[in-house]
Amino acid sequence: MYIYNLGTGNTRRIPTGQNYAAISFSPDGQHLLLQWMEETLWVKDIAEDRPRLITKKPGYFRACWSPDGRYLVYGHQFRRDLPPSFWLVDLARDNN
């Protein structure tokens, strides 16, 4: 993954370490939400090398950022025929 700075024209590579199924930027553009297969969710500060594990649960995820980027909200469904559960993660705290 690469970030292109429109103001300076510089390109910078962001190592992610794996092939992720879904990637989205936080509202401030400083973090990435990474979903690997249907097993884990990670948050990565774009200035750091290693992503932070948010959850490791088998199942189906739908995740999004809060408007201020402080929280991550995700739905987890172990099986498609069961109702989902919803989780709110305060990224300023260690939730693992």
N, C-alpha and C. Protein backbone atom coordinates (compact mmCIF):
# COMPACT_ATOMS: atom_id res chain seq x y z
N MET A 1 0.85 -1.16 0.00
CA MET A 1 0.00 0.00 0.00
C MET A 1 0.90 1.23 0.00
N TYR A 2 0.46 2.24 -0.73
CA TYR A 2 1.21 3.48 -0.83
C TYR A 2 0.31 4.67 -0.52
N ILE A 3 0.89 5.69 0.08
CA ILE A 3 0.17 6.94 0.31
C ILE A 3 0.82 8.00 -0.56
N TYR A 4 -0.01 8.68 -1.32
CA TYR A 4 0.45 9.76 -2.17
C TYR A 4 -0.01 11.08 -1.56
N ASN A 5 0.94 11.96 -1.25
CA ASN A 5 0.64 13.26 -0.67
C ASN A 5 0.36 14.24 -1.80
N LEU A 6 -0.88 14.69 -1.88
CA LEU A 6 -1.26 15.61 -2.96
C LEU A 6 -0.54 16.94 -2.86
N GLY A 7 -0.22 17.40 -1.66
CA GLY A 7 0.44 18.69 -1.47
C GLY A 7 1.89 18.68 -1.91
N THR A 8 2.62 17.60 -1.58
CA THR A 8 4.05 17.55 -1.88
C THR A 8 4.39 16.71 -3.10
N GLY A 9 3.49 15.80 -3.46
CA GLY A 9 3.77 14.89 -4.56
C GLY A 9 4.61 13.69 -4.15
N ASN A 10 4.89 13.56 -2.85
CA ASN A 10 5.68 12.44 -2.35
C ASN A 10 4.83 11.19 -2.22
N THR A 11 5.46 10.04 -2.47
CA THR A 11 4.82 8.75 -2.29
C THR A 11 5.57 8.01 -1.21
N ARG A 12 4.80 7.38 -0.32
CA ARG A 12 5.40 6.62 0.78
C ARG A 12 4.72 5.27 0.88
N ARG A 13 5.54 4.22 1.02
CA ARG A 13 5.00 2.86 1.16
C ARG A 13 4.65 2.62 2.62
N ILE A 14 3.48 2.01 2.84
CA ILE A 14 3.06 1.61 4.18
C ILE A 14 3.03 0.10 4.22
N PRO A 15 3.97 -0.51 4.94
CA PRO A 15 3.94 -1.98 5.01
C PRO A 15 2.78 -2.45 5.85
N THR A 16 2.03 -3.43 5.35
CA THR A 16 0.92 -4.00 6.11
C THR A 16 1.23 -5.42 6.55
N GLY A 17 2.12 -6.11 5.90
CA GLY A 17 2.55 -7.42 6.36
C GLY A 17 1.72 -8.59 5.87
N GLN A 18 0.48 -8.38 5.49
CA GLN A 18 -0.38 -9.46 5.04
C GLN A 18 -1.27 -8.94 3.91
N ASN A 19 -1.94 -9.85 3.28
CA ASN A 19 -2.95 -9.47 2.30
C ASN A 19 -4.29 -9.38 3.02
N TYR A 20 -4.79 -8.18 3.18
CA TYR A 20 -6.02 -7.96 3.93
C TYR A 20 -7.22 -7.95 3.00
N ALA A 21 -8.36 -8.35 3.53
CA ALA A 21 -9.59 -8.41 2.75
C ALA A 21 -10.24 -7.04 2.63
N ALA A 22 -10.06 -6.19 3.65
CA ALA A 22 -10.66 -4.86 3.64
C ALA A 22 -9.75 -3.89 4.38
N ILE A 23 -9.63 -2.68 3.86
CA ILE A 23 -8.80 -1.64 4.46
C ILE A 23 -9.58 -0.34 4.40
N SER A 24 -9.58 0.42 5.51
CA SER A 24 -10.18 1.75 5.48
C SER A 24 -9.39 2.70 6.37
N PHE A 25 -9.30 3.96 5.95
CA PHE A 25 -8.60 4.99 6.71
C PHE A 25 -9.49 5.56 7.79
N SER A 26 -8.87 5.94 8.91
CA SER A 26 -9.59 6.66 9.96
C SER A 26 -9.95 8.05 9.44
N PRO A 27 -10.90 8.73 10.07
CA PRO A 27 -11.29 10.06 9.59
C PRO A 27 -10.14 11.07 9.53
N ASP A 28 -9.15 10.95 10.42
CA ASP A 28 -8.01 11.87 10.39
C ASP A 28 -6.91 11.42 9.44
N GLY A 29 -7.07 10.23 8.84
CA GLY A 29 -6.09 9.72 7.88
C GLY A 29 -4.81 9.19 8.49
N GLN A 30 -4.76 9.04 9.81
CA GLN A 30 -3.53 8.61 10.48
C GLN A 30 -3.50 7.12 10.83
N HIS A 31 -4.64 6.45 10.69
CA HIS A 31 -4.73 5.03 11.04
C HIS A 31 -5.45 4.26 9.94
N LEU A 32 -5.15 2.99 9.88
CA LEU A 32 -5.82 2.09 8.95
C LEU A 32 -6.56 1.02 9.74
N LEU A 33 -7.74 0.69 9.31
CA LEU A 33 -8.48 -0.46 9.82
C LEU A 33 -8.25 -1.57 8.81
N LEU A 34 -7.74 -2.70 9.28
CA LEU A 34 -7.38 -3.82 8.42
C LEU A 34 -8.18 -5.04 8.84
N GLN A 35 -8.84 -5.66 7.89
CA GLN A 35 -9.54 -6.91 8.16
C GLN A 35 -8.85 -8.02 7.41
N TRP A 36 -8.43 -9.04 8.14
CA TRP A 36 -7.77 -10.17 7.51
C TRP A 36 -8.73 -11.34 7.47
N MET A 37 -9.07 -11.74 6.27
CA MET A 37 -10.01 -12.84 6.03
C MET A 37 -11.28 -12.59 6.86
N GLU A 38 -11.78 -13.61 7.52
CA GLU A 38 -12.95 -13.47 8.40
C GLU A 38 -12.53 -13.83 9.82
N GLU A 39 -11.31 -13.43 10.19
CA GLU A 39 -10.79 -13.85 11.48
C GLU A 39 -10.32 -12.72 12.38
N THR A 40 -9.72 -11.70 11.86
CA THR A 40 -9.12 -10.68 12.72
C THR A 40 -9.36 -9.28 12.21
N LEU A 41 -9.38 -8.34 13.14
CA LEU A 41 -9.40 -6.91 12.84
C LEU A 41 -8.16 -6.28 13.47
N TRP A 42 -7.52 -5.41 12.73
CA TRP A 42 -6.30 -4.74 13.19
C TRP A 42 -6.45 -3.24 12.95
N VAL A 43 -5.75 -2.44 13.77
CA VAL A 43 -5.62 -1.01 13.51
C VAL A 43 -4.14 -0.71 13.43
N LYS A 44 -3.77 0.05 12.42
CA LYS A 44 -2.36 0.37 12.19
C LYS A 44 -2.18 1.86 12.10
N ASP A 45 -1.29 2.40 12.92
CA ASP A 45 -0.86 3.79 12.80
C ASP A 45 0.02 3.84 11.56
N ILE A 46 -0.24 4.75 10.63
CA ILE A 46 0.52 4.74 9.38
C ILE A 46 1.99 5.10 9.58
N ALA A 47 2.33 5.66 10.74
CA ALA A 47 3.72 6.00 11.01
C ALA A 47 4.49 4.85 11.66
N GLU A 48 3.81 3.80 12.06
CA GLU A 48 4.46 2.68 12.73
C GLU A 48 4.48 1.45 11.83
N ASP A 49 5.35 0.51 12.17
CA ASP A 49 5.50 -0.69 11.35
C ASP A 49 4.48 -1.78 11.64
N ARG A 50 4.12 -1.95 12.91
CA ARG A 50 3.29 -3.10 13.28
C ARG A 50 1.86 -2.68 13.57
N PRO A 51 0.88 -3.42 13.02
CA PRO A 51 -0.51 -3.14 13.36
C PRO A 51 -0.86 -3.68 14.74
N ARG A 52 -1.91 -3.14 15.33
CA ARG A 52 -2.39 -3.55 16.66
C ARG A 52 -3.62 -4.45 16.48
N LEU A 53 -3.59 -5.62 17.09
CA LEU A 53 -4.71 -6.54 17.01
C LEU A 53 -5.88 -6.00 17.83
N ILE A 54 -7.05 -5.92 17.22
CA ILE A 54 -8.27 -5.49 17.92
C ILE A 54 -9.06 -6.70 18.37
N THR A 55 -9.27 -7.64 17.49
CA THR A 55 -9.99 -8.85 17.87
C THR A 55 -9.57 -10.01 16.99
N LYS A 56 -9.61 -11.18 17.59
CA LYS A 56 -9.33 -12.41 16.85
C LYS A 56 -10.45 -13.38 17.19
N LYS A 57 -11.45 -13.38 16.34
CA LYS A 57 -12.61 -14.26 16.52
C LYS A 57 -13.00 -14.78 15.14
N PRO A 58 -13.26 -16.04 15.01
CA PRO A 58 -13.78 -16.49 13.72
C PRO A 58 -15.20 -15.94 13.54
N GLY A 59 -15.52 -15.60 12.34
CA GLY A 59 -16.86 -15.09 12.07
C GLY A 59 -16.84 -14.04 10.98
N TYR A 60 -17.92 -13.30 10.91
CA TYR A 60 -18.09 -12.29 9.88
C TYR A 60 -18.09 -10.92 10.54
N PHE A 61 -17.33 -9.99 9.98
CA PHE A 61 -17.19 -8.66 10.56
C PHE A 61 -17.70 -7.59 9.63
N ARG A 62 -18.25 -6.56 10.21
CA ARG A 62 -18.55 -5.31 9.53
C ARG A 62 -18.05 -4.24 10.48
N ALA A 63 -17.08 -3.45 10.09
CA ALA A 63 -16.47 -2.48 10.99
C ALA A 63 -16.47 -1.09 10.38
N CYS A 64 -16.51 -0.08 11.24
CA CYS A 64 -16.42 1.30 10.77
C CYS A 64 -15.86 2.18 11.89
N TRP A 65 -15.38 3.34 11.50
CA TRP A 65 -14.83 4.33 12.41
C TRP A 65 -15.94 5.23 12.94
N SER A 66 -15.76 5.73 14.17
CA SER A 66 -16.63 6.81 14.64
C SER A 66 -16.21 8.08 13.89
N PRO A 67 -17.07 9.10 13.81
CA PRO A 67 -16.71 10.30 13.06
C PRO A 67 -15.43 10.99 13.55
N ASP A 68 -15.13 10.89 14.85
CA ASP A 68 -13.91 11.51 15.35
C ASP A 68 -12.69 10.58 15.31
N GLY A 69 -12.89 9.33 14.91
CA GLY A 69 -11.79 8.37 14.79
C GLY A 69 -11.33 7.77 16.12
N ARG A 70 -11.99 8.13 17.20
CA ARG A 70 -11.57 7.62 18.51
C ARG A 70 -12.07 6.20 18.76
N TYR A 71 -13.17 5.85 18.15
CA TYR A 71 -13.78 4.54 18.39
C TYR A 71 -13.87 3.74 17.11
N LEU A 72 -13.88 2.45 17.30
CA LEU A 72 -14.12 1.52 16.21
C LEU A 72 -15.36 0.73 16.61
N VAL A 73 -16.30 0.63 15.70
CA VAL A 73 -17.52 -0.13 15.95
C VAL A 73 -17.51 -1.29 14.98
N TYR A 74 -17.75 -2.48 15.51
CA TYR A 74 -17.82 -3.61 14.60
C TYR A 74 -18.91 -4.58 15.02
N GLY A 75 -19.47 -5.22 14.04
CA GLY A 75 -20.43 -6.28 14.26
C GLY A 75 -19.74 -7.60 14.04
N HIS A 76 -20.06 -8.56 14.85
CA HIS A 76 -19.46 -9.88 14.74
C HIS A 76 -20.58 -10.91 14.67
N GLN A 77 -20.49 -11.79 13.71
CA GLN A 77 -21.49 -12.83 13.56
C GLN A 77 -20.76 -14.15 13.37
N PHE A 78 -20.90 -15.03 14.35
CA PHE A 78 -20.19 -16.31 14.30
C PHE A 78 -20.68 -17.17 13.15
N ARG A 79 -22.00 -17.21 12.96
CA ARG A 79 -22.59 -17.91 11.83
C ARG A 79 -23.66 -17.02 11.23
N ARG A 80 -23.86 -17.14 9.96
CA ARG A 80 -24.84 -16.28 9.27
C ARG A 80 -26.28 -16.53 9.73
N ASP A 81 -26.55 -17.71 10.29
CA ASP A 81 -27.91 -18.00 10.74
C ASP A 81 -28.15 -17.56 12.20
N LEU A 82 -27.15 -16.97 12.86
CA LEU A 82 -27.28 -16.46 14.22
C LEU A 82 -27.28 -14.93 14.20
N PRO A 83 -27.91 -14.29 15.19
CA PRO A 83 -27.89 -12.82 15.22
C PRO A 83 -26.49 -12.30 15.54
N PRO A 84 -26.15 -11.12 15.02
CA PRO A 84 -24.82 -10.56 15.28
C PRO A 84 -24.74 -9.91 16.66
N SER A 85 -23.53 -9.76 17.14
CA SER A 85 -23.26 -8.95 18.32
C SER A 85 -22.49 -7.72 17.86
N PHE A 86 -22.60 -6.63 18.60
CA PHE A 86 -21.94 -5.38 18.21
C PHE A 86 -21.00 -4.94 19.32
N TRP A 87 -19.84 -4.44 18.94
CA TRP A 87 -18.79 -4.07 19.88
C TRP A 87 -18.32 -2.65 19.59
N LEU A 88 -18.03 -1.93 20.66
CA LEU A 88 -17.47 -0.58 20.57
C LEU A 88 -16.09 -0.62 21.22
N VAL A 89 -15.07 -0.22 20.48
CA VAL A 89 -13.69 -0.26 20.97
C VAL A 89 -13.18 1.17 21.10
N ASP A 90 -12.75 1.54 22.31
CA ASP A 90 -12.11 2.83 22.54
C ASP A 90 -10.64 2.66 22.19
N LEU A 91 -10.20 3.24 21.09
CA LEU A 91 -8.83 3.01 20.60
C LEU A 91 -7.77 3.67 21.47
N ALA A 92 -8.16 4.59 22.35
CA ALA A 92 -7.21 5.22 23.25
C ALA A 92 -6.85 4.28 24.41
N ARG A 93 -7.62 3.23 24.60
CA ARG A 93 -7.37 2.26 25.67
C ARG A 93 -6.88 0.96 25.07
N ASP A 94 -6.25 0.15 25.87
CA ASP A 94 -5.82 -1.17 25.43
C ASP A 94 -7.00 -2.12 25.63
N ASN A 95 -7.67 -2.49 24.55
CA ASN A 95 -8.87 -3.31 24.63
C ASN A 95 -8.61 -4.79 24.39
N ASN A 96 -7.38 -5.18 24.26
CA ASN A 96 -7.11 -6.59 23.95
C ASN A 96 -7.06 -7.43 25.21
